[in-house]
N, C-alpha and C. Protein backbone atom coordinates (compact mmCIF):
# COMPACT_ATOMS: atom_id res chain seq x y z
N MET A 1 -26.68 59.92 162.31
CA MET A 1 -27.76 59.56 161.40
C MET A 1 -28.72 58.57 162.05
N ILE A 2 -28.16 57.60 162.78
CA ILE A 2 -28.98 56.59 163.45
C ILE A 2 -29.88 57.24 164.49
N VAL A 3 -29.33 58.18 165.27
CA VAL A 3 -30.13 58.88 166.28
C VAL A 3 -31.26 59.66 165.63
N ALA A 4 -30.93 60.32 164.50
CA ALA A 4 -31.96 61.08 163.78
C ALA A 4 -33.07 60.15 163.27
N LEU A 5 -32.69 58.99 162.77
CA LEU A 5 -33.68 58.03 162.27
C LEU A 5 -34.55 57.50 163.40
N ILE A 6 -33.95 57.30 164.58
CA ILE A 6 -34.74 56.83 165.72
C ILE A 6 -35.80 57.86 166.10
N VAL A 7 -35.39 59.13 166.11
CA VAL A 7 -36.35 60.21 166.42
C VAL A 7 -37.45 60.25 165.36
N TRP A 8 -37.06 60.10 164.10
CA TRP A 8 -38.02 60.15 163.01
C TRP A 8 -39.00 58.99 163.10
N ILE A 9 -38.49 57.79 163.31
CA ILE A 9 -39.35 56.61 163.39
C ILE A 9 -40.26 56.64 164.60
N SER A 10 -39.79 57.29 165.68
CA SER A 10 -40.59 57.33 166.90
C SER A 10 -41.90 58.11 166.73
N THR A 11 -42.05 58.84 165.62
CA THR A 11 -43.32 59.49 165.34
C THR A 11 -44.40 58.48 164.97
N LEU A 12 -43.94 57.25 164.59
CA LEU A 12 -44.84 56.14 164.23
C LEU A 12 -45.68 56.44 162.98
N ARG A 13 -45.22 57.36 162.19
CA ARG A 13 -45.90 57.65 160.92
C ARG A 13 -45.36 56.72 159.84
N SER A 14 -46.24 56.27 158.98
CA SER A 14 -45.82 55.36 157.91
C SER A 14 -44.80 56.02 157.00
N ARG A 15 -44.92 57.33 156.80
CA ARG A 15 -43.97 58.04 155.96
C ARG A 15 -42.57 58.00 156.55
N ALA A 16 -42.47 58.09 157.88
CA ALA A 16 -41.17 58.04 158.55
C ALA A 16 -40.51 56.69 158.36
N PHE A 17 -41.27 55.61 158.49
CA PHE A 17 -40.73 54.28 158.27
C PHE A 17 -40.29 54.10 156.81
N MET A 18 -41.10 54.59 155.90
CA MET A 18 -40.80 54.44 154.48
C MET A 18 -39.52 55.19 154.10
N TYR A 19 -39.42 56.45 154.50
CA TYR A 19 -38.27 57.26 154.12
C TYR A 19 -37.00 56.81 154.84
N SER A 20 -37.14 56.33 156.06
CA SER A 20 -35.96 55.82 156.77
C SER A 20 -35.41 54.59 156.07
N THR A 21 -36.31 53.74 155.60
CA THR A 21 -35.88 52.55 154.85
C THR A 21 -35.19 52.94 153.55
N ILE A 22 -35.77 53.87 152.82
CA ILE A 22 -35.19 54.33 151.56
C ILE A 22 -33.82 54.96 151.81
N LEU A 23 -33.70 55.77 152.86
CA LEU A 23 -32.43 56.42 153.18
C LEU A 23 -31.33 55.41 153.41
N MET A 24 -31.62 54.36 154.19
CA MET A 24 -30.62 53.35 154.49
C MET A 24 -30.28 52.50 153.27
N LEU A 25 -31.28 52.18 152.45
CA LEU A 25 -31.02 51.41 151.23
C LEU A 25 -30.13 52.19 150.26
N LEU A 26 -30.40 53.48 150.13
CA LEU A 26 -29.58 54.31 149.26
C LEU A 26 -28.17 54.46 149.81
N TYR A 27 -28.04 54.56 151.13
CA TYR A 27 -26.72 54.65 151.76
C TYR A 27 -25.90 53.40 151.47
N TRP A 28 -26.54 52.26 151.60
CA TRP A 28 -25.85 50.99 151.35
C TRP A 28 -25.45 50.85 149.88
N LYS A 29 -26.34 51.26 149.00
CA LYS A 29 -26.09 51.08 147.56
C LYS A 29 -25.11 52.11 147.02
N VAL A 30 -25.32 53.39 147.37
CA VAL A 30 -24.55 54.47 146.76
C VAL A 30 -23.23 54.72 147.49
N VAL A 31 -23.29 54.80 148.83
CA VAL A 31 -22.09 55.16 149.60
C VAL A 31 -21.20 53.96 149.86
N LYS A 32 -21.79 52.88 150.35
CA LYS A 32 -21.00 51.71 150.73
C LYS A 32 -20.56 50.87 149.54
N LYS A 33 -21.48 50.58 148.63
CA LYS A 33 -21.14 49.72 147.50
C LYS A 33 -20.64 50.47 146.27
N HIS A 34 -20.67 51.79 146.34
CA HIS A 34 -20.18 52.63 145.26
C HIS A 34 -20.87 52.29 143.92
N GLU A 35 -22.16 52.06 143.98
CA GLU A 35 -22.90 51.72 142.76
C GLU A 35 -23.66 52.93 142.25
N ARG A 36 -23.80 52.99 140.96
CA ARG A 36 -24.60 54.06 140.38
C ARG A 36 -26.08 53.76 140.57
N PHE A 37 -26.82 54.78 140.84
CA PHE A 37 -28.28 54.64 140.94
C PHE A 37 -28.88 55.26 139.70
N ARG A 38 -29.20 54.43 138.74
CA ARG A 38 -29.80 54.91 137.49
C ARG A 38 -31.32 54.88 137.58
N LEU A 39 -31.95 55.71 136.80
CA LEU A 39 -33.40 55.73 136.74
C LEU A 39 -33.85 54.60 135.82
N SER A 40 -33.75 53.38 136.34
CA SER A 40 -34.09 52.19 135.55
C SER A 40 -35.43 51.63 136.01
N ILE A 41 -35.95 50.69 135.22
CA ILE A 41 -37.21 50.05 135.59
C ILE A 41 -37.08 49.33 136.92
N GLY A 42 -35.94 48.68 137.13
CA GLY A 42 -35.72 47.95 138.38
C GLY A 42 -35.70 48.86 139.59
N ASN A 43 -35.01 50.00 139.50
CA ASN A 43 -34.95 50.92 140.63
C ASN A 43 -36.31 51.58 140.91
N ILE A 44 -37.01 51.93 139.84
CA ILE A 44 -38.35 52.51 140.02
C ILE A 44 -39.28 51.48 140.66
N PHE A 45 -39.19 50.24 140.19
CA PHE A 45 -40.02 49.17 140.75
C PHE A 45 -39.71 48.93 142.22
N ALA A 46 -38.42 48.95 142.58
CA ALA A 46 -38.03 48.76 143.98
C ALA A 46 -38.55 49.89 144.86
N THR A 47 -38.48 51.11 144.36
CA THR A 47 -39.01 52.26 145.12
C THR A 47 -40.51 52.15 145.32
N LEU A 48 -41.23 51.72 144.29
CA LEU A 48 -42.67 51.56 144.38
C LEU A 48 -43.05 50.46 145.37
N ILE A 49 -42.24 49.40 145.44
CA ILE A 49 -42.51 48.33 146.40
C ILE A 49 -42.41 48.85 147.83
N VAL A 50 -41.36 49.62 148.11
CA VAL A 50 -41.20 50.20 149.45
C VAL A 50 -42.35 51.16 149.74
N LEU A 51 -42.71 51.95 148.75
CA LEU A 51 -43.80 52.91 148.91
C LEU A 51 -45.11 52.20 149.23
N CYS A 52 -45.43 51.17 148.48
CA CYS A 52 -46.69 50.43 148.67
C CYS A 52 -46.69 49.68 150.00
N PHE A 53 -45.53 49.14 150.39
CA PHE A 53 -45.46 48.36 151.63
C PHE A 53 -45.79 49.21 152.85
N PHE A 54 -45.25 50.43 152.89
CA PHE A 54 -45.45 51.27 154.06
C PHE A 54 -46.66 52.20 153.96
N ALA A 55 -47.10 52.51 152.75
CA ALA A 55 -48.15 53.52 152.60
C ALA A 55 -49.46 52.98 152.04
N ALA A 56 -49.58 51.65 151.92
CA ALA A 56 -50.80 51.07 151.34
C ALA A 56 -52.02 51.44 152.16
N ASP A 57 -51.91 51.39 153.49
CA ASP A 57 -53.06 51.71 154.33
C ASP A 57 -53.46 53.17 154.21
N GLN A 58 -52.45 54.05 154.04
CA GLN A 58 -52.74 55.47 153.90
C GLN A 58 -53.43 55.77 152.57
N PHE A 59 -53.01 55.10 151.52
CA PHE A 59 -53.67 55.28 150.23
C PHE A 59 -55.12 54.81 150.30
N GLU A 60 -55.33 53.72 150.98
CA GLU A 60 -56.69 53.19 151.10
C GLU A 60 -57.56 54.13 151.91
N THR A 61 -56.98 54.69 152.99
CA THR A 61 -57.73 55.59 153.86
C THR A 61 -58.11 56.89 153.16
N TYR A 62 -57.13 57.49 152.47
CA TYR A 62 -57.33 58.82 151.94
C TYR A 62 -57.85 58.87 150.50
N PHE A 63 -57.56 57.85 149.71
CA PHE A 63 -57.95 57.90 148.31
C PHE A 63 -59.11 56.97 147.95
N SER A 64 -59.27 55.88 148.70
CA SER A 64 -60.37 54.97 148.41
C SER A 64 -61.67 55.45 149.04
N ASN A 65 -61.54 56.15 150.15
CA ASN A 65 -62.71 56.66 150.85
C ASN A 65 -63.20 57.95 150.18
N THR A 66 -64.34 57.89 149.55
CA THR A 66 -64.86 59.03 148.78
C THR A 66 -65.28 60.20 149.65
N ALA A 67 -65.28 60.01 150.97
CA ALA A 67 -65.70 61.09 151.87
C ALA A 67 -64.54 61.99 152.26
N THR A 68 -63.31 61.59 151.96
CA THR A 68 -62.15 62.37 152.39
C THR A 68 -61.85 63.50 151.41
N ALA A 69 -61.13 64.50 151.91
CA ALA A 69 -60.78 65.66 151.08
C ALA A 69 -59.85 65.26 149.94
N ARG A 70 -58.85 64.44 150.22
CA ARG A 70 -57.90 64.05 149.17
C ARG A 70 -58.56 63.25 148.06
N SER A 71 -59.48 62.39 148.44
CA SER A 71 -60.19 61.60 147.44
C SER A 71 -61.01 62.51 146.53
N ASN A 72 -61.69 63.47 147.11
CA ASN A 72 -62.49 64.41 146.31
C ASN A 72 -61.62 65.29 145.43
N PHE A 73 -60.50 65.74 145.99
CA PHE A 73 -59.58 66.55 145.20
C PHE A 73 -59.08 65.79 143.98
N LEU A 74 -58.70 64.53 144.19
CA LEU A 74 -58.17 63.74 143.08
C LEU A 74 -59.26 63.46 142.04
N ARG A 75 -60.44 63.04 142.49
CA ARG A 75 -61.51 62.68 141.56
C ARG A 75 -61.95 63.88 140.72
N TYR A 76 -62.19 65.00 141.39
CA TYR A 76 -62.65 66.19 140.66
C TYR A 76 -61.50 66.91 139.94
N GLY A 77 -60.27 66.65 140.39
CA GLY A 77 -59.13 67.19 139.65
C GLY A 77 -59.03 66.57 138.27
N ILE A 78 -59.21 65.26 138.21
CA ILE A 78 -59.21 64.56 136.93
C ILE A 78 -60.41 65.00 136.08
N TYR A 79 -61.56 65.15 136.75
CA TYR A 79 -62.77 65.58 136.04
C TYR A 79 -62.58 66.98 135.46
N THR A 80 -61.97 67.89 136.23
CA THR A 80 -61.74 69.25 135.77
C THR A 80 -60.73 69.27 134.63
N LEU A 81 -59.73 68.40 134.71
CA LEU A 81 -58.76 68.26 133.61
C LEU A 81 -59.47 67.91 132.31
N GLN A 82 -60.40 66.98 132.39
CA GLN A 82 -61.14 66.57 131.19
C GLN A 82 -62.11 67.66 130.74
N ARG A 83 -62.71 68.31 131.69
CA ARG A 83 -63.73 69.32 131.39
C ARG A 83 -63.14 70.55 130.72
N TYR A 84 -61.98 70.98 131.19
CA TYR A 84 -61.34 72.19 130.64
C TYR A 84 -60.10 71.85 129.83
N PHE A 85 -60.14 70.74 129.16
CA PHE A 85 -59.02 70.29 128.35
C PHE A 85 -58.74 71.29 127.21
N PRO A 86 -57.49 71.65 126.90
CA PRO A 86 -56.26 71.14 127.52
C PRO A 86 -55.57 72.11 128.46
N LEU A 87 -56.14 73.33 128.67
CA LEU A 87 -55.44 74.38 129.43
C LEU A 87 -55.92 74.53 130.86
N GLY A 88 -56.94 73.78 131.27
CA GLY A 88 -57.39 73.84 132.65
C GLY A 88 -58.33 74.99 132.95
N SER A 89 -58.73 75.07 134.22
CA SER A 89 -59.74 76.05 134.64
C SER A 89 -59.15 77.40 135.04
N GLY A 90 -57.84 77.51 135.13
CA GLY A 90 -57.21 78.79 135.41
C GLY A 90 -56.77 78.97 136.84
N PHE A 91 -56.09 80.07 137.08
CA PHE A 91 -55.54 80.38 138.41
C PHE A 91 -56.65 80.53 139.45
N ALA A 92 -56.30 80.14 140.68
CA ALA A 92 -57.15 80.36 141.87
C ALA A 92 -58.52 79.70 141.75
N THR A 93 -58.59 78.59 141.02
CA THR A 93 -59.88 77.91 140.87
C THR A 93 -59.92 76.55 141.54
N TYR A 94 -58.73 75.97 141.88
CA TYR A 94 -58.77 74.60 142.39
C TYR A 94 -57.49 74.24 143.15
N GLY A 95 -57.65 73.79 144.39
CA GLY A 95 -56.56 73.20 145.15
C GLY A 95 -55.53 74.14 145.70
N THR A 96 -55.74 75.45 145.62
CA THR A 96 -54.76 76.41 146.11
C THR A 96 -55.35 77.27 147.22
N ASP A 97 -54.50 78.06 147.86
CA ASP A 97 -54.94 78.92 148.95
C ASP A 97 -55.98 79.93 148.47
N SER A 98 -55.73 80.51 147.31
CA SER A 98 -56.67 81.51 146.79
C SER A 98 -58.01 80.89 146.42
N ALA A 99 -57.97 79.63 145.99
CA ALA A 99 -59.22 78.96 145.59
C ALA A 99 -60.17 78.80 146.76
N VAL A 100 -59.61 78.56 147.96
CA VAL A 100 -60.48 78.41 149.14
C VAL A 100 -60.72 79.74 149.83
N LYS A 101 -59.75 80.64 149.74
CA LYS A 101 -59.90 81.95 150.38
C LYS A 101 -61.05 82.73 149.75
N TYR A 102 -61.15 82.65 148.44
CA TYR A 102 -62.23 83.33 147.71
C TYR A 102 -63.25 82.31 147.23
N TYR A 103 -63.26 81.18 147.82
CA TYR A 103 -64.09 80.01 147.56
C TYR A 103 -64.55 79.89 146.11
N SER A 104 -63.78 79.10 145.41
CA SER A 104 -63.98 78.89 143.97
C SER A 104 -65.40 78.44 143.63
N LYS A 105 -65.88 78.91 142.49
CA LYS A 105 -67.20 78.48 142.01
C LYS A 105 -67.22 76.97 141.73
N LEU A 106 -66.05 76.43 141.38
CA LEU A 106 -65.97 74.99 141.15
C LEU A 106 -66.20 74.21 142.44
N TYR A 107 -65.72 74.75 143.55
CA TYR A 107 -65.94 74.10 144.85
C TYR A 107 -67.42 74.02 145.18
N VAL A 108 -68.11 75.12 144.88
CA VAL A 108 -69.55 75.16 145.13
C VAL A 108 -70.25 74.16 144.22
N GLU A 109 -69.86 74.13 142.96
CA GLU A 109 -70.47 73.23 141.99
C GLU A 109 -70.23 71.76 142.36
N TYR A 110 -69.02 71.46 142.88
CA TYR A 110 -68.68 70.08 143.23
C TYR A 110 -69.15 69.68 144.61
N GLY A 111 -69.72 70.63 145.36
CA GLY A 111 -70.24 70.32 146.69
C GLY A 111 -69.17 70.16 147.75
N PHE A 112 -68.04 70.84 147.57
CA PHE A 112 -66.95 70.72 148.54
C PHE A 112 -67.31 71.31 149.90
N MET A 113 -68.32 72.17 149.94
CA MET A 113 -68.70 72.75 151.23
C MET A 113 -69.29 71.70 152.18
N TYR A 114 -69.63 70.52 151.64
CA TYR A 114 -70.17 69.44 152.46
C TYR A 114 -69.11 68.38 152.81
N VAL A 115 -67.88 68.60 152.34
CA VAL A 115 -66.79 67.67 152.63
C VAL A 115 -66.01 68.16 153.83
N TYR A 116 -65.76 67.27 154.78
CA TYR A 116 -65.04 67.65 156.00
C TYR A 116 -63.64 68.16 155.65
N GLY A 117 -63.33 69.36 156.14
CA GLY A 117 -62.02 69.96 155.89
C GLY A 117 -61.97 70.84 154.67
N LEU A 118 -63.05 70.88 153.87
CA LEU A 118 -63.10 71.73 152.68
C LEU A 118 -64.16 72.81 152.79
N ASN A 119 -64.87 72.82 153.89
CA ASN A 119 -65.89 73.84 154.12
C ASN A 119 -65.23 75.22 154.27
N PRO A 120 -65.80 76.27 153.71
CA PRO A 120 -65.17 77.60 153.79
C PRO A 120 -64.95 78.08 155.22
N SER A 121 -65.73 77.60 156.16
CA SER A 121 -65.56 77.99 157.55
C SER A 121 -64.53 77.14 158.28
N ASN A 122 -64.14 76.01 157.69
CA ASN A 122 -63.15 75.13 158.30
C ASN A 122 -62.34 74.42 157.22
N PRO A 123 -61.51 75.17 156.49
CA PRO A 123 -60.81 74.60 155.33
C PRO A 123 -59.45 73.99 155.68
N MET A 124 -59.39 73.16 156.70
CA MET A 124 -58.12 72.64 157.19
C MET A 124 -57.40 71.75 156.17
N PHE A 125 -58.12 71.11 155.25
CA PHE A 125 -57.49 70.23 154.27
C PHE A 125 -57.55 70.81 152.86
N ALA A 126 -57.92 72.06 152.76
CA ALA A 126 -58.13 72.68 151.44
C ALA A 126 -56.82 72.97 150.70
N HIS A 127 -55.68 72.86 151.39
CA HIS A 127 -54.40 73.13 150.74
C HIS A 127 -53.56 71.86 150.64
N ASP A 128 -54.16 70.72 150.95
CA ASP A 128 -53.41 69.47 151.10
C ASP A 128 -53.42 68.65 149.81
N THR A 129 -53.05 69.29 148.70
CA THR A 129 -53.01 68.57 147.43
C THR A 129 -52.06 69.30 146.49
N TYR A 130 -51.49 68.59 145.55
CA TYR A 130 -50.58 69.22 144.59
C TYR A 130 -50.95 68.88 143.14
N TRP A 131 -50.79 67.61 142.77
CA TRP A 131 -51.04 67.24 141.37
C TRP A 131 -52.49 67.46 140.93
N PRO A 132 -53.49 67.19 141.77
CA PRO A 132 -54.85 67.53 141.35
C PRO A 132 -55.03 69.02 141.07
N ALA A 133 -54.35 69.87 141.87
CA ALA A 133 -54.42 71.31 141.64
C ALA A 133 -53.76 71.69 140.32
N ILE A 134 -52.63 71.07 140.01
CA ILE A 134 -51.94 71.35 138.77
C ILE A 134 -52.77 70.93 137.57
N MET A 135 -53.29 69.69 137.61
CA MET A 135 -54.04 69.19 136.46
C MET A 135 -55.36 69.93 136.27
N ALA A 136 -55.97 70.39 137.35
CA ALA A 136 -57.24 71.10 137.23
C ALA A 136 -57.03 72.53 136.75
N GLN A 137 -56.09 73.25 137.35
CA GLN A 137 -55.91 74.66 137.03
C GLN A 137 -55.20 74.87 135.69
N PHE A 138 -54.25 73.99 135.36
CA PHE A 138 -53.43 74.22 134.17
C PHE A 138 -53.58 73.15 133.11
N GLY A 139 -54.47 72.21 133.32
CA GLY A 139 -54.78 71.23 132.30
C GLY A 139 -53.63 70.29 131.96
N LEU A 140 -53.78 69.61 130.86
CA LEU A 140 -52.76 68.65 130.42
C LEU A 140 -51.45 69.35 130.08
N VAL A 141 -51.54 70.53 129.51
CA VAL A 141 -50.34 71.28 129.15
C VAL A 141 -49.53 71.62 130.40
N GLY A 142 -50.21 72.14 131.41
CA GLY A 142 -49.54 72.50 132.65
C GLY A 142 -49.00 71.28 133.39
N LEU A 143 -49.75 70.19 133.35
CA LEU A 143 -49.32 68.96 134.02
C LEU A 143 -48.02 68.44 133.41
N ILE A 144 -47.96 68.39 132.08
CA ILE A 144 -46.75 67.93 131.40
C ILE A 144 -45.59 68.89 131.68
N ALA A 145 -45.88 70.19 131.67
CA ALA A 145 -44.84 71.18 131.92
C ALA A 145 -44.24 71.03 133.32
N MET A 146 -45.08 70.80 134.33
CA MET A 146 -44.58 70.65 135.68
C MET A 146 -43.78 69.36 135.86
N ILE A 147 -44.22 68.29 135.22
CA ILE A 147 -43.47 67.04 135.29
C ILE A 147 -42.08 67.23 134.69
N VAL A 148 -42.02 67.92 133.55
CA VAL A 148 -40.73 68.17 132.89
C VAL A 148 -39.85 69.08 133.75
N LEU A 149 -40.44 70.12 134.35
CA LEU A 149 -39.67 71.04 135.18
C LEU A 149 -39.08 70.34 136.41
N ILE A 150 -39.89 69.52 137.07
CA ILE A 150 -39.40 68.81 138.26
C ILE A 150 -38.34 67.79 137.86
N TRP A 151 -38.55 67.11 136.73
CA TRP A 151 -37.54 66.17 136.22
C TRP A 151 -36.22 66.90 135.94
N LYS A 152 -36.30 68.05 135.27
CA LYS A 152 -35.10 68.81 134.95
C LYS A 152 -34.40 69.30 136.23
N LEU A 153 -35.20 69.71 137.22
CA LEU A 153 -34.65 70.17 138.50
C LEU A 153 -33.86 69.05 139.17
N CYS A 154 -34.45 67.87 139.22
CA CYS A 154 -33.79 66.72 139.86
C CYS A 154 -32.53 66.34 139.10
N MET A 155 -32.60 66.31 137.78
CA MET A 155 -31.44 65.93 136.98
C MET A 155 -30.31 66.96 137.13
N ASP A 156 -30.68 68.24 137.20
CA ASP A 156 -29.69 69.28 137.37
C ASP A 156 -28.97 69.13 138.71
N MET A 157 -29.73 68.86 139.77
CA MET A 157 -29.13 68.67 141.09
C MET A 157 -28.22 67.45 141.11
N MET A 158 -28.65 66.37 140.44
CA MET A 158 -27.85 65.16 140.39
C MET A 158 -26.52 65.42 139.69
N GLN A 159 -26.56 66.18 138.61
CA GLN A 159 -25.33 66.48 137.87
C GLN A 159 -24.38 67.34 138.68
N ARG A 160 -24.94 68.20 139.52
CA ARG A 160 -24.10 69.09 140.34
C ARG A 160 -23.39 68.37 141.48
N THR A 161 -23.70 67.10 141.70
CA THR A 161 -22.97 66.34 142.73
C THR A 161 -21.57 65.99 142.26
N ASN A 162 -21.31 66.12 140.95
CA ASN A 162 -19.97 65.92 140.39
C ASN A 162 -19.36 64.58 140.74
N GLY A 163 -20.19 63.55 140.87
CA GLY A 163 -19.69 62.22 141.14
C GLY A 163 -19.38 61.93 142.59
N ASP A 164 -19.53 62.91 143.48
CA ASP A 164 -19.27 62.66 144.90
C ASP A 164 -20.38 61.80 145.46
N ARG A 165 -20.04 60.63 146.03
CA ARG A 165 -21.07 59.67 146.42
C ARG A 165 -21.93 60.16 147.58
N TYR A 166 -21.37 60.93 148.51
CA TYR A 166 -22.19 61.44 149.62
C TYR A 166 -23.18 62.50 149.13
N SER A 167 -22.71 63.38 148.27
CA SER A 167 -23.61 64.38 147.69
C SER A 167 -24.69 63.70 146.86
N HIS A 168 -24.27 62.70 146.09
CA HIS A 168 -25.22 61.96 145.25
C HIS A 168 -26.28 61.28 146.11
N TRP A 169 -25.89 60.70 147.21
CA TRP A 169 -26.81 60.04 148.14
C TRP A 169 -27.82 61.03 148.71
N ILE A 170 -27.34 62.19 149.16
CA ILE A 170 -28.22 63.18 149.78
C ILE A 170 -29.21 63.74 148.75
N ILE A 171 -28.71 64.13 147.59
CA ILE A 171 -29.58 64.73 146.58
C ILE A 171 -30.58 63.71 146.05
N LEU A 172 -30.15 62.49 145.88
CA LEU A 172 -31.06 61.44 145.41
C LEU A 172 -32.19 61.23 146.41
N PHE A 173 -31.85 61.24 147.70
CA PHE A 173 -32.87 61.09 148.74
C PHE A 173 -33.85 62.26 148.73
N VAL A 174 -33.34 63.47 148.55
CA VAL A 174 -34.20 64.65 148.49
C VAL A 174 -35.17 64.55 147.33
N CYS A 175 -34.67 64.16 146.18
CA CYS A 175 -35.53 64.06 144.99
C CYS A 175 -36.62 63.02 145.18
N ILE A 176 -36.25 61.84 145.70
CA ILE A 176 -37.23 60.77 145.89
C ILE A 176 -38.29 61.17 146.89
N THR A 177 -37.89 61.74 148.02
CA THR A 177 -38.85 62.09 149.07
C THR A 177 -39.79 63.20 148.63
N GLN A 178 -39.27 64.20 147.93
CA GLN A 178 -40.13 65.31 147.51
C GLN A 178 -41.13 64.88 146.45
N VAL A 179 -40.69 64.07 145.51
CA VAL A 179 -41.61 63.62 144.46
C VAL A 179 -42.68 62.70 145.01
N THR A 180 -42.29 61.73 145.86
CA THR A 180 -43.28 60.81 146.42
C THR A 180 -44.22 61.53 147.38
N SER A 181 -43.72 62.51 148.12
CA SER A 181 -44.59 63.27 149.04
C SER A 181 -45.64 64.07 148.28
N SER A 182 -45.29 64.51 147.09
CA SER A 182 -46.24 65.32 146.31
C SER A 182 -47.45 64.53 145.86
N ILE A 183 -47.39 63.20 145.93
CA ILE A 183 -48.53 62.38 145.54
C ILE A 183 -49.70 62.60 146.51
N ALA A 184 -49.36 62.75 147.80
CA ALA A 184 -50.42 62.84 148.81
C ALA A 184 -50.55 64.22 149.44
N THR A 185 -49.53 65.07 149.31
CA THR A 185 -49.58 66.38 149.96
C THR A 185 -49.16 67.49 148.97
N ALA A 186 -49.35 68.72 149.41
CA ALA A 186 -49.00 69.86 148.56
C ALA A 186 -47.53 70.22 148.73
N THR A 187 -46.65 69.26 148.47
CA THR A 187 -45.23 69.40 148.74
C THR A 187 -44.63 70.63 148.09
N PHE A 188 -44.82 70.77 146.79
CA PHE A 188 -44.16 71.85 146.06
C PHE A 188 -44.87 73.20 146.21
N PHE A 189 -45.94 73.25 146.98
CA PHE A 189 -46.57 74.51 147.35
C PHE A 189 -46.12 74.96 148.74
N HIS A 190 -45.47 74.08 149.49
CA HIS A 190 -45.26 74.29 150.93
C HIS A 190 -43.99 75.10 151.21
N PHE A 191 -44.05 75.93 152.25
CA PHE A 191 -42.90 76.77 152.60
C PHE A 191 -41.72 75.93 153.09
N VAL A 192 -41.98 74.75 153.66
CA VAL A 192 -40.89 73.88 154.12
C VAL A 192 -40.05 73.41 152.94
N THR A 193 -40.71 73.11 151.81
CA THR A 193 -39.98 72.70 150.61
C THR A 193 -39.12 73.84 150.08
N ALA A 194 -39.66 75.05 150.12
CA ALA A 194 -38.86 76.21 149.69
C ALA A 194 -37.63 76.37 150.56
N SER A 195 -37.79 76.19 151.88
CA SER A 195 -36.66 76.28 152.80
C SER A 195 -35.65 75.17 152.52
N LEU A 196 -36.16 73.96 152.25
CA LEU A 196 -35.28 72.83 151.95
C LEU A 196 -34.39 73.11 150.74
N PHE A 197 -34.98 73.66 149.68
CA PHE A 197 -34.20 73.89 148.46
C PHE A 197 -33.26 75.08 148.58
N PHE A 198 -33.43 75.89 149.61
CA PHE A 198 -32.46 76.93 149.88
C PHE A 198 -31.17 76.34 150.45
N ILE A 199 -31.29 75.24 151.21
CA ILE A 199 -30.10 74.65 151.84
C ILE A 199 -29.55 73.46 151.05
N VAL A 200 -30.28 72.99 150.04
CA VAL A 200 -29.79 71.87 149.22
C VAL A 200 -28.41 72.15 148.62
N PRO A 201 -28.13 73.38 148.12
CA PRO A 201 -26.79 73.61 147.55
C PRO A 201 -25.64 73.34 148.51
N LEU A 202 -25.89 73.32 149.81
CA LEU A 202 -24.83 73.00 150.76
C LEU A 202 -24.33 71.57 150.58
N ALA A 203 -25.15 70.73 149.96
CA ALA A 203 -24.76 69.33 149.74
C ALA A 203 -23.88 69.16 148.52
N PHE A 204 -23.79 70.19 147.68
CA PHE A 204 -22.98 70.08 146.48
C PHE A 204 -21.50 70.21 146.84
N PRO A 205 -20.63 69.41 146.23
CA PRO A 205 -19.19 69.54 146.48
C PRO A 205 -18.64 70.84 145.94
N ASN A 206 -17.50 71.23 146.46
CA ASN A 206 -16.85 72.47 146.02
C ASN A 206 -16.48 72.36 144.56
N GLU A 207 -16.94 73.29 143.73
CA GLU A 207 -16.67 73.24 142.29
C GLU A 207 -15.18 73.36 141.99
N GLU A 208 -14.40 73.99 142.87
CA GLU A 208 -12.97 74.14 142.65
C GLU A 208 -12.25 72.80 142.75
N GLU A 209 -12.89 71.83 143.44
CA GLU A 209 -12.27 70.53 143.60
C GLU A 209 -12.79 69.52 142.58
N GLU A 210 -13.61 69.98 141.65
CA GLU A 210 -14.23 69.09 140.67
C GLU A 210 -13.18 68.31 139.88
N ASP A 211 -12.12 69.01 139.46
CA ASP A 211 -11.12 68.35 138.63
C ASP A 211 -10.30 67.33 139.41
N ASN A 212 -10.27 67.48 140.75
CA ASN A 212 -9.48 66.57 141.57
C ASN A 212 -10.32 65.49 142.23
N ASN A 213 -11.59 65.44 141.86
CA ASN A 213 -12.50 64.47 142.48
C ASN A 213 -12.14 63.06 142.02
N GLU A 214 -11.88 62.20 142.97
CA GLU A 214 -11.48 60.83 142.64
C GLU A 214 -12.67 59.91 142.44
N ASN A 215 -13.84 60.33 142.90
CA ASN A 215 -15.03 59.48 142.78
C ASN A 215 -15.75 59.83 141.48
N THR A 216 -15.32 59.28 140.38
CA THR A 216 -15.86 59.64 139.07
C THR A 216 -16.79 58.59 138.49
N TYR A 217 -17.27 57.69 139.35
CA TYR A 217 -18.08 56.61 138.83
C TYR A 217 -19.48 57.05 138.44
N PHE A 218 -19.84 58.32 138.70
CA PHE A 218 -21.15 58.84 138.32
C PHE A 218 -21.05 59.80 137.14
N GLU A 219 -19.86 59.99 136.59
CA GLU A 219 -19.66 61.08 135.62
C GLU A 219 -20.51 60.89 134.36
N ASN A 220 -20.84 59.66 134.03
CA ASN A 220 -21.65 59.41 132.84
C ASN A 220 -23.12 59.25 133.16
N ASN A 221 -23.47 59.42 134.45
CA ASN A 221 -24.87 59.25 134.87
C ASN A 221 -25.64 60.52 134.62
N SER A 222 -26.74 60.47 133.92
CA SER A 222 -27.53 61.66 133.60
C SER A 222 -28.84 61.61 134.32
């Protein structure tokens, strides 16, 4: 694990530093100290502190600068949510591959052809968003539905760890990294995420050994 973290950190990306720190903190808390990790205000606050410490410069670069693709996606995503309240603008209209492939009328209206990386001839950043695409295309109803679905997915995976602290540690890390990554990238649209969730079940303990599992300190954790 240490060698893997060294390789990860050597990329010098802020995300690598942030996730490596979270991984080690969770290992210390869940595996070593045998403590439950509840979705409490304190744990959420601690995660946000780590996130802000390592990613503050990235948020300023990509979201504060109105010339960037992510900033425009977020600003007009919120605007489209309000404009087409509550069901959104519909499929293939915003933030997806089809929206740029057939160049959405909303993109033309919002002037995205003048934003670097969103031009139809060079759409390198046109797929680099998730929540703005959800809120724009599916409105408030779709946004709430996706939040509930992802919450249910994470809770289901956590329950399937059956109290095993190593499984709990791995699944908890997967949930935190995927949700936080979706803030800045199109995580849940990406093929890498699909591949990840194909192998996630390997982290679940054998169901036949559930009754003999001695690590039951998570059994009441939902």
